[in-house]
Amino acid sequence: MYILSLWLNEELFRHTEFLNGVNWIYLPTGIRLLSTLLLGADGAIGLLIAALIVDFAYYFPHDPVRAIVGAIISAAGPYAVYRLALERYQLKASLANLTPRRLLVLAFAVATTNAVLHHLWFALTGDTQNFIERFCMMYIGDLLGTLIMLYAMKGVLSILRSIVIRAE
């Protein structure tokens, strides 16, 4: 799903790209959060593997350090938000107690975590050109992408639930 969301994002929002991988709308961040919410540590490991593949094959084929760090950040940020949700909301495996308000809080948390971790890495490597502008773009893109994915999935689940209820 993560790799599919990257492809879909490229196809739909290529014109909104600020830098390679930084868009006004970035759907993969929503998939990252959903993966960890649904699968926990297994989801984070799957994200890490998928991000390594994409980073080495597409985003940073000539920069192995950036590819590895980017993949770790892509998996660690959403996993940290998932762990926070477990603790703060006593998140159930069924996600039944994940209200729309809590989803909104988690969307803001994952967008913040992702942008902060990436930009900490950029600062540590001396890559500070357009720092504030890139941070804002990444944050907004992650937030919008996450909100779109979370509420789209919530809508799909509602439709499926109503179909199942009618079938009974």
N, C-alpha and C. Protein backbone atom coordinates (compact mmCIF):
# COMPACT_ATOMS: atom_id res chain seq x y z
N MET A 1 0.83 -1.20 0.00
CA MET A 1 0.00 0.00 0.00
C MET A 1 0.87 1.27 0.00
N TYR A 2 1.98 1.21 0.75
CA TYR A 2 2.84 2.38 0.84
C TYR A 2 3.44 2.73 -0.53
N ILE A 3 3.96 1.73 -1.21
CA ILE A 3 4.55 1.98 -2.53
C ILE A 3 3.47 2.42 -3.52
N LEU A 4 2.29 1.82 -3.43
CA LEU A 4 1.18 2.24 -4.28
C LEU A 4 0.80 3.69 -4.01
N SER A 5 0.80 4.08 -2.74
CA SER A 5 0.47 5.48 -2.41
C SER A 5 1.53 6.44 -2.93
N LEU A 6 2.78 6.01 -2.95
CA LEU A 6 3.84 6.85 -3.53
C LEU A 6 3.60 7.06 -5.02
N TRP A 7 3.27 5.97 -5.71
CA TRP A 7 3.00 6.06 -7.14
C TRP A 7 1.79 6.95 -7.40
N LEU A 8 0.71 6.72 -6.63
CA LEU A 8 -0.51 7.52 -6.78
C LEU A 8 -0.23 8.99 -6.53
N ASN A 9 0.56 9.28 -5.51
CA ASN A 9 0.91 10.66 -5.20
C ASN A 9 1.68 11.30 -6.36
N GLU A 10 2.60 10.54 -6.94
CA GLU A 10 3.36 11.05 -8.09
C GLU A 10 2.43 11.37 -9.26
N GLU A 11 1.49 10.48 -9.50
CA GLU A 11 0.58 10.67 -10.63
C GLU A 11 -0.39 11.84 -10.41
N LEU A 12 -0.94 11.94 -9.22
CA LEU A 12 -1.96 12.95 -8.95
C LEU A 12 -1.39 14.33 -8.59
N PHE A 13 -0.26 14.34 -7.89
CA PHE A 13 0.21 15.59 -7.31
C PHE A 13 1.63 15.97 -7.74
N ARG A 14 2.08 15.45 -8.86
CA ARG A 14 3.42 15.78 -9.36
C ARG A 14 3.59 17.29 -9.52
N HIS A 15 2.54 17.96 -9.96
CA HIS A 15 2.59 19.41 -10.19
C HIS A 15 2.69 20.20 -8.89
N THR A 16 2.47 19.56 -7.74
CA THR A 16 2.55 20.26 -6.46
C THR A 16 3.89 20.03 -5.77
N GLU A 17 4.82 19.39 -6.47
CA GLU A 17 6.10 19.06 -5.85
C GLU A 17 6.99 20.29 -5.70
N PHE A 18 7.50 20.46 -4.49
CA PHE A 18 8.43 21.55 -4.18
C PHE A 18 9.86 21.05 -4.38
N LEU A 19 10.15 19.90 -3.81
CA LEU A 19 11.41 19.18 -3.98
C LEU A 19 11.07 17.71 -4.15
N ASN A 20 12.03 16.90 -4.54
CA ASN A 20 11.81 15.47 -4.67
C ASN A 20 11.29 14.91 -3.35
N GLY A 21 10.02 14.48 -3.34
CA GLY A 21 9.43 13.91 -2.14
C GLY A 21 8.76 14.90 -1.21
N VAL A 22 8.76 16.19 -1.55
CA VAL A 22 8.11 17.21 -0.72
C VAL A 22 7.03 17.87 -1.57
N ASN A 23 5.76 17.55 -1.24
CA ASN A 23 4.62 18.04 -2.01
C ASN A 23 3.64 18.79 -1.12
N TRP A 24 2.78 19.56 -1.74
CA TRP A 24 1.70 20.23 -1.00
C TRP A 24 0.71 19.21 -0.45
N ILE A 25 0.59 18.08 -1.13
CA ILE A 25 -0.23 16.96 -0.65
C ILE A 25 0.63 15.72 -0.78
N TYR A 26 0.82 15.01 0.34
CA TYR A 26 1.68 13.82 0.33
C TYR A 26 0.95 12.66 0.99
N LEU A 27 0.25 11.87 0.17
CA LEU A 27 -0.58 10.76 0.63
C LEU A 27 0.18 9.67 1.40
N PRO A 28 1.44 9.38 1.04
CA PRO A 28 2.13 8.29 1.74
C PRO A 28 2.22 8.46 3.26
N THR A 29 2.22 9.68 3.75
CA THR A 29 2.27 9.85 5.20
C THR A 29 1.02 9.29 5.85
N GLY A 30 -0.12 9.42 5.20
CA GLY A 30 -1.35 8.83 5.73
C GLY A 30 -1.27 7.31 5.76
N ILE A 31 -0.69 6.72 4.74
CA ILE A 31 -0.51 5.27 4.71
C ILE A 31 0.46 4.84 5.79
N ARG A 32 1.49 5.62 6.03
CA ARG A 32 2.44 5.30 7.11
C ARG A 32 1.71 5.23 8.45
N LEU A 33 0.87 6.22 8.72
CA LEU A 33 0.15 6.23 9.99
C LEU A 33 -0.83 5.06 10.05
N LEU A 34 -1.59 4.84 8.99
CA LEU A 34 -2.54 3.73 8.97
C LEU A 34 -1.83 2.38 9.16
N SER A 35 -0.68 2.23 8.54
CA SER A 35 0.07 0.97 8.66
C SER A 35 0.46 0.68 10.10
N THR A 36 0.91 1.71 10.80
CA THR A 36 1.31 1.49 12.19
C THR A 36 0.09 1.36 13.10
N LEU A 37 -0.97 2.10 12.82
CA LEU A 37 -2.18 1.97 13.64
C LEU A 37 -2.78 0.57 13.51
N LEU A 38 -2.76 0.04 12.30
CA LEU A 38 -3.37 -1.27 12.06
C LEU A 38 -2.46 -2.43 12.42
N LEU A 39 -1.15 -2.26 12.21
CA LEU A 39 -0.23 -3.39 12.35
C LEU A 39 0.86 -3.20 13.40
N GLY A 40 0.92 -2.03 14.03
CA GLY A 40 1.91 -1.80 15.08
C GLY A 40 3.34 -1.91 14.58
N ALA A 41 4.15 -2.65 15.32
CA ALA A 41 5.58 -2.79 14.97
C ALA A 41 5.75 -3.48 13.62
N ASP A 42 4.88 -4.44 13.31
CA ASP A 42 4.96 -5.11 12.00
C ASP A 42 4.75 -4.11 10.87
N GLY A 43 3.83 -3.19 11.07
CA GLY A 43 3.59 -2.14 10.07
C GLY A 43 4.82 -1.26 9.91
N ALA A 44 5.47 -0.91 11.01
CA ALA A 44 6.67 -0.07 10.95
C ALA A 44 7.80 -0.80 10.23
N ILE A 45 7.94 -2.09 10.48
CA ILE A 45 8.98 -2.88 9.80
C ILE A 45 8.68 -2.94 8.30
N GLY A 46 7.42 -3.16 7.95
CA GLY A 46 7.03 -3.16 6.54
C GLY A 46 7.30 -1.82 5.87
N LEU A 47 7.01 -0.74 6.59
CA LEU A 47 7.29 0.60 6.07
C LEU A 47 8.79 0.80 5.86
N LEU A 48 9.57 0.35 6.82
CA LEU A 48 11.03 0.49 6.70
C LEU A 48 11.54 -0.22 5.46
N ILE A 49 11.09 -1.44 5.26
CA ILE A 49 11.53 -2.21 4.08
C ILE A 49 11.09 -1.53 2.79
N ALA A 50 9.82 -1.13 2.73
CA ALA A 50 9.32 -0.46 1.52
C ALA A 50 10.05 0.86 1.28
N ALA A 51 10.30 1.62 2.35
CA ALA A 51 10.99 2.91 2.21
C ALA A 51 12.43 2.70 1.75
N LEU A 52 13.08 1.67 2.25
CA LEU A 52 14.45 1.37 1.79
C LEU A 52 14.46 1.06 0.30
N ILE A 53 13.50 0.27 -0.14
CA ILE A 53 13.41 -0.08 -1.57
C ILE A 53 13.21 1.19 -2.40
N VAL A 54 12.25 2.01 -2.01
CA VAL A 54 11.93 3.22 -2.78
C VAL A 54 13.08 4.22 -2.72
N ASP A 55 13.65 4.41 -1.54
CA ASP A 55 14.74 5.38 -1.42
C ASP A 55 15.96 4.98 -2.24
N PHE A 56 16.33 3.69 -2.19
CA PHE A 56 17.49 3.24 -2.96
C PHE A 56 17.21 3.19 -4.46
N ALA A 57 15.99 2.83 -4.84
CA ALA A 57 15.66 2.67 -6.26
C ALA A 57 15.26 3.98 -6.93
N TYR A 58 14.67 4.91 -6.18
CA TYR A 58 14.08 6.07 -6.82
C TYR A 58 14.60 7.41 -6.28
N TYR A 59 14.43 7.66 -5.00
CA TYR A 59 14.74 8.98 -4.46
C TYR A 59 16.24 9.27 -4.33
N PHE A 60 16.99 8.33 -3.77
CA PHE A 60 18.40 8.59 -3.46
C PHE A 60 19.31 7.44 -3.88
N PRO A 61 19.28 7.05 -5.14
CA PRO A 61 20.08 5.89 -5.55
C PRO A 61 21.59 6.09 -5.39
N HIS A 62 22.05 7.33 -5.37
CA HIS A 62 23.48 7.59 -5.27
C HIS A 62 23.88 8.11 -3.89
N ASP A 63 22.98 8.04 -2.94
CA ASP A 63 23.26 8.53 -1.59
C ASP A 63 22.73 7.52 -0.57
N PRO A 64 23.50 6.46 -0.31
CA PRO A 64 23.00 5.39 0.57
C PRO A 64 22.72 5.86 2.00
N VAL A 65 23.48 6.79 2.51
CA VAL A 65 23.24 7.28 3.87
C VAL A 65 21.89 7.98 3.92
N ARG A 66 21.63 8.86 2.98
CA ARG A 66 20.34 9.57 2.92
C ARG A 66 19.19 8.60 2.73
N ALA A 67 19.40 7.58 1.90
CA ALA A 67 18.35 6.59 1.67
C ALA A 67 18.02 5.83 2.96
N ILE A 68 19.04 5.43 3.69
CA ILE A 68 18.82 4.67 4.93
C ILE A 68 18.19 5.55 6.00
N VAL A 69 18.73 6.75 6.19
CA VAL A 69 18.18 7.65 7.21
C VAL A 69 16.74 8.04 6.86
N GLY A 70 16.48 8.34 5.60
CA GLY A 70 15.14 8.71 5.18
C GLY A 70 14.15 7.57 5.42
N ALA A 71 14.57 6.35 5.17
CA ALA A 71 13.70 5.20 5.41
C ALA A 71 13.43 5.01 6.89
N ILE A 72 14.45 5.17 7.70
CA ILE A 72 14.27 5.04 9.15
C ILE A 72 13.31 6.10 9.67
N ILE A 73 13.50 7.33 9.23
CA ILE A 73 12.60 8.42 9.66
C ILE A 73 11.17 8.14 9.19
N SER A 74 11.02 7.66 7.97
CA SER A 74 9.69 7.38 7.42
C SER A 74 8.94 6.32 8.22
N ALA A 75 9.67 5.39 8.82
CA ALA A 75 9.02 4.34 9.61
C ALA A 75 8.96 4.70 11.09
N ALA A 76 9.98 5.35 11.60
CA ALA A 76 10.06 5.62 13.05
C ALA A 76 9.05 6.68 13.50
N GLY A 77 8.85 7.71 12.70
CA GLY A 77 7.92 8.78 13.07
C GLY A 77 6.50 8.27 13.28
N PRO A 78 5.93 7.58 12.30
CA PRO A 78 4.57 7.05 12.48
C PRO A 78 4.49 6.02 13.61
N TYR A 79 5.54 5.24 13.79
CA TYR A 79 5.53 4.26 14.87
C TYR A 79 5.52 4.97 16.23
N ALA A 80 6.27 6.05 16.34
CA ALA A 80 6.27 6.83 17.59
C ALA A 80 4.88 7.40 17.87
N VAL A 81 4.21 7.87 16.83
CA VAL A 81 2.85 8.40 17.00
C VAL A 81 1.90 7.27 17.41
N TYR A 82 2.06 6.11 16.82
CA TYR A 82 1.25 4.94 17.19
C TYR A 82 1.46 4.60 18.67
N ARG A 83 2.71 4.59 19.11
CA ARG A 83 3.00 4.28 20.52
C ARG A 83 2.37 5.34 21.44
N LEU A 84 2.43 6.58 21.02
CA LEU A 84 1.79 7.65 21.78
C LEU A 84 0.28 7.43 21.87
N ALA A 85 -0.34 7.02 20.76
CA ALA A 85 -1.78 6.75 20.75
C ALA A 85 -2.12 5.58 21.66
N LEU A 86 -1.26 4.56 21.67
CA LEU A 86 -1.49 3.43 22.56
C LEU A 86 -1.54 3.88 24.02
N GLU A 87 -0.58 4.71 24.36
CA GLU A 87 -0.48 5.16 25.74
C GLU A 87 -1.55 6.19 26.10
N ARG A 88 -1.71 7.18 25.26
CA ARG A 88 -2.61 8.29 25.57
C ARG A 88 -4.08 7.90 25.47
N TYR A 89 -4.41 7.13 24.44
CA TYR A 89 -5.81 6.80 24.17
C TYR A 89 -6.18 5.36 24.53
N GLN A 90 -5.25 4.61 25.09
CA GLN A 90 -5.49 3.19 25.35
C GLN A 90 -6.07 2.54 24.09
N LEU A 91 -5.39 2.78 23.00
CA LEU A 91 -5.84 2.34 21.68
C LEU A 91 -6.09 0.84 21.67
N LYS A 92 -7.24 0.45 21.18
CA LYS A 92 -7.61 -0.95 21.09
C LYS A 92 -7.18 -1.50 19.73
N ALA A 93 -6.96 -2.79 19.67
CA ALA A 93 -6.55 -3.43 18.41
C ALA A 93 -7.58 -3.21 17.31
N SER A 94 -8.85 -3.11 17.68
CA SER A 94 -9.91 -2.89 16.69
C SER A 94 -9.99 -1.44 16.23
N LEU A 95 -9.28 -0.56 16.92
CA LEU A 95 -9.31 0.89 16.67
C LEU A 95 -10.70 1.48 16.92
N ALA A 96 -11.53 0.76 17.65
CA ALA A 96 -12.90 1.21 17.91
C ALA A 96 -12.95 2.52 18.68
N ASN A 97 -11.96 2.77 19.52
CA ASN A 97 -11.98 4.01 20.30
C ASN A 97 -11.20 5.14 19.62
N LEU A 98 -10.94 4.99 18.34
CA LEU A 98 -10.26 6.03 17.58
C LEU A 98 -11.31 6.93 16.95
N THR A 99 -11.64 8.01 17.64
CA THR A 99 -12.70 8.93 17.22
C THR A 99 -12.18 9.86 16.11
N PRO A 100 -13.08 10.55 15.42
CA PRO A 100 -12.63 11.52 14.42
C PRO A 100 -11.68 12.58 15.01
N ARG A 101 -11.96 13.01 16.23
CA ARG A 101 -11.08 14.01 16.87
C ARG A 101 -9.70 13.41 17.12
N ARG A 102 -9.65 12.19 17.58
CA ARG A 102 -8.36 11.54 17.83
C ARG A 102 -7.60 11.32 16.53
N LEU A 103 -8.32 10.98 15.47
CA LEU A 103 -7.67 10.86 14.16
C LEU A 103 -7.04 12.18 13.74
N LEU A 104 -7.74 13.26 14.00
CA LEU A 104 -7.22 14.59 13.67
C LEU A 104 -5.95 14.88 14.47
N VAL A 105 -5.97 14.57 15.75
CA VAL A 105 -4.80 14.77 16.60
C VAL A 105 -3.62 13.94 16.09
N LEU A 106 -3.88 12.69 15.71
CA LEU A 106 -2.82 11.82 15.21
C LEU A 106 -2.28 12.30 13.86
N ALA A 107 -3.16 12.87 13.03
CA ALA A 107 -2.71 13.43 11.76
C ALA A 107 -1.74 14.59 11.99
N PHE A 108 -2.09 15.48 12.91
CA PHE A 108 -1.18 16.58 13.24
C PHE A 108 0.11 16.05 13.84
N ALA A 109 0.01 15.03 14.68
CA ALA A 109 1.20 14.47 15.33
C ALA A 109 2.14 13.83 14.32
N VAL A 110 1.60 13.06 13.37
CA VAL A 110 2.48 12.39 12.41
C VAL A 110 3.09 13.41 11.44
N ALA A 111 2.35 14.44 11.05
CA ALA A 111 2.91 15.47 10.18
C ALA A 111 4.03 16.23 10.89
N THR A 112 3.80 16.55 12.15
CA THR A 112 4.82 17.26 12.93
C THR A 112 6.06 16.40 13.11
N THR A 113 5.86 15.16 13.52
CA THR A 113 6.98 14.25 13.76
C THR A 113 7.81 14.06 12.49
N ASN A 114 7.14 13.81 11.37
CA ASN A 114 7.86 13.59 10.13
C ASN A 114 8.68 14.82 9.72
N ALA A 115 8.05 15.98 9.74
CA ALA A 115 8.76 17.19 9.32
C ALA A 115 9.91 17.52 10.27
N VAL A 116 9.69 17.37 11.57
CA VAL A 116 10.75 17.66 12.54
C VAL A 116 11.92 16.70 12.37
N LEU A 117 11.64 15.40 12.30
CA LEU A 117 12.74 14.43 12.16
C LEU A 117 13.53 14.62 10.88
N HIS A 118 12.83 14.83 9.77
CA HIS A 118 13.54 15.07 8.51
C HIS A 118 14.40 16.32 8.59
N HIS A 119 13.85 17.38 9.15
CA HIS A 119 14.59 18.63 9.18
C HIS A 119 15.71 18.64 10.23
N LEU A 120 15.58 17.84 11.25
CA LEU A 120 16.71 17.65 12.16
C LEU A 120 17.86 16.99 11.40
N TRP A 121 17.51 15.99 10.60
CA TRP A 121 18.54 15.33 9.79
C TRP A 121 19.17 16.33 8.80
N PHE A 122 18.34 17.13 8.16
CA PHE A 122 18.88 18.12 7.22
C PHE A 122 19.83 19.07 7.94
N ALA A 123 19.44 19.53 9.12
CA ALA A 123 20.28 20.46 9.89
C ALA A 123 21.59 19.80 10.29
N LEU A 124 21.53 18.55 10.70
CA LEU A 124 22.75 17.83 11.11
C LEU A 124 23.71 17.64 9.95
N THR A 125 23.18 17.55 8.74
CA THR A 125 24.04 17.36 7.56
C THR A 125 24.39 18.69 6.89
N GLY A 126 23.94 19.79 7.47
CA GLY A 126 24.28 21.11 6.93
C GLY A 126 23.40 21.54 5.77
N ASP A 127 22.34 20.80 5.50
CA ASP A 127 21.43 21.12 4.40
C ASP A 127 20.35 22.06 4.92
N THR A 128 20.67 23.36 4.96
CA THR A 128 19.74 24.34 5.55
C THR A 128 19.18 25.33 4.52
N GLN A 129 19.42 25.07 3.26
CA GLN A 129 18.90 25.97 2.23
C GLN A 129 17.37 25.89 2.21
N ASN A 130 16.72 27.04 2.24
CA ASN A 130 15.25 27.14 2.27
C ASN A 130 14.65 26.31 3.40
N PHE A 131 15.31 26.29 4.53
CA PHE A 131 14.95 25.41 5.64
C PHE A 131 13.52 25.60 6.13
N ILE A 132 13.14 26.82 6.43
CA ILE A 132 11.81 27.10 6.96
C ILE A 132 10.75 26.81 5.89
N GLU A 133 11.02 27.23 4.69
CA GLU A 133 10.07 27.00 3.60
C GLU A 133 9.87 25.50 3.35
N ARG A 134 10.96 24.73 3.34
CA ARG A 134 10.85 23.28 3.14
C ARG A 134 10.12 22.62 4.31
N PHE A 135 10.40 23.08 5.53
CA PHE A 135 9.72 22.53 6.70
C PHE A 135 8.21 22.75 6.58
N CYS A 136 7.82 23.97 6.25
CA CYS A 136 6.39 24.28 6.13
C CYS A 136 5.74 23.47 5.02
N MET A 137 6.41 23.36 3.89
CA MET A 137 5.86 22.58 2.77
C MET A 137 5.69 21.13 3.17
N MET A 138 6.71 20.55 3.81
CA MET A 138 6.62 19.15 4.20
C MET A 138 5.50 18.95 5.23
N TYR A 139 5.43 19.84 6.19
CA TYR A 139 4.41 19.73 7.23
C TYR A 139 3.00 19.80 6.62
N ILE A 140 2.76 20.79 5.79
CA ILE A 140 1.45 20.95 5.16
C ILE A 140 1.12 19.76 4.27
N GLY A 141 2.08 19.33 3.47
CA GLY A 141 1.86 18.19 2.58
C GLY A 141 1.55 16.92 3.34
N ASP A 142 2.31 16.68 4.42
CA ASP A 142 2.07 15.49 5.24
C ASP A 142 0.71 15.56 5.93
N LEU A 143 0.38 16.73 6.44
CA LEU A 143 -0.91 16.88 7.13
C LEU A 143 -2.07 16.67 6.16
N LEU A 144 -2.04 17.35 5.02
CA LEU A 144 -3.13 17.20 4.05
C LEU A 144 -3.22 15.78 3.52
N GLY A 145 -2.09 15.18 3.20
CA GLY A 145 -2.08 13.81 2.71
C GLY A 145 -2.62 12.83 3.74
N THR A 146 -2.24 13.04 4.99
CA THR A 146 -2.71 12.17 6.07
C THR A 146 -4.21 12.32 6.26
N LEU A 147 -4.68 13.55 6.30
CA LEU A 147 -6.11 13.78 6.47
C LEU A 147 -6.91 13.16 5.33
N ILE A 148 -6.45 13.32 4.12
CA ILE A 148 -7.14 12.74 2.96
C ILE A 148 -7.20 11.22 3.10
N MET A 149 -6.08 10.60 3.42
CA MET A 149 -6.04 9.14 3.52
C MET A 149 -6.87 8.63 4.69
N LEU A 150 -6.75 9.25 5.85
CA LEU A 150 -7.49 8.78 7.03
C LEU A 150 -8.99 8.88 6.83
N TYR A 151 -9.46 10.01 6.36
CA TYR A 151 -10.89 10.19 6.21
C TYR A 151 -11.44 9.44 4.99
N ALA A 152 -10.62 9.24 3.98
CA ALA A 152 -11.03 8.40 2.85
C ALA A 152 -11.21 6.96 3.32
N MET A 153 -10.28 6.48 4.10
CA MET A 153 -10.39 5.11 4.63
C MET A 153 -11.57 4.99 5.59
N LYS A 154 -11.77 6.00 6.40
CA LYS A 154 -12.92 5.99 7.32
C LYS A 154 -14.22 5.95 6.52
N GLY A 155 -14.29 6.70 5.42
CA GLY A 155 -15.46 6.69 4.56
C GLY A 155 -15.67 5.34 3.90
N VAL A 156 -14.60 4.75 3.40
CA VAL A 156 -14.69 3.42 2.77
C VAL A 156 -15.19 2.39 3.78
N LEU A 157 -14.66 2.45 4.99
CA LEU A 157 -15.09 1.51 6.03
C LEU A 157 -16.56 1.71 6.38
N SER A 158 -17.03 2.95 6.41
CA SER A 158 -18.44 3.22 6.68
C SER A 158 -19.33 2.65 5.59
N ILE A 159 -18.91 2.81 4.35
CA ILE A 159 -19.67 2.26 3.22
C ILE A 159 -19.70 0.75 3.29
N LEU A 160 -18.55 0.14 3.55
CA LEU A 160 -18.50 -1.32 3.65
C LEU A 160 -19.36 -1.83 4.80
N ARG A 161 -19.34 -1.12 5.92
CA ARG A 161 -20.15 -1.51 7.07
C ARG A 161 -21.63 -1.46 6.72
N SER A 162 -22.06 -0.41 6.01
CA SER A 162 -23.48 -0.30 5.64
C SER A 162 -23.87 -1.38 4.63
N ILE A 163 -22.97 -1.76 3.76
CA ILE A 163 -23.25 -2.84 2.80
C ILE A 163 -23.41 -4.17 3.53
N VAL A 164 -22.55 -4.41 4.50
CA VAL A 164 -22.63 -5.65 5.28
C VAL A 164 -23.92 -5.70 6.08
N ILE A 165 -24.30 -4.59 6.67
CA ILE A 165 -25.54 -4.52 7.47
C ILE A 165 -26.74 -4.80 6.58
N ARG A 166 -26.77 -4.22 5.36
CA ARG A 166 -27.88 -4.46 4.43
C ARG A 166 -27.94 -5.90 3.98
N ALA A 167 -26.78 -6.51 3.80
CA ALA A 167 -26.72 -7.90 3.34
C ALA A 167 -27.24 -8.87 4.39
N GLU A 168 -27.14 -8.49 5.65
CA GLU A 168 -27.63 -9.35 6.71
C GLU A 168 -29.11 -9.26 6.76
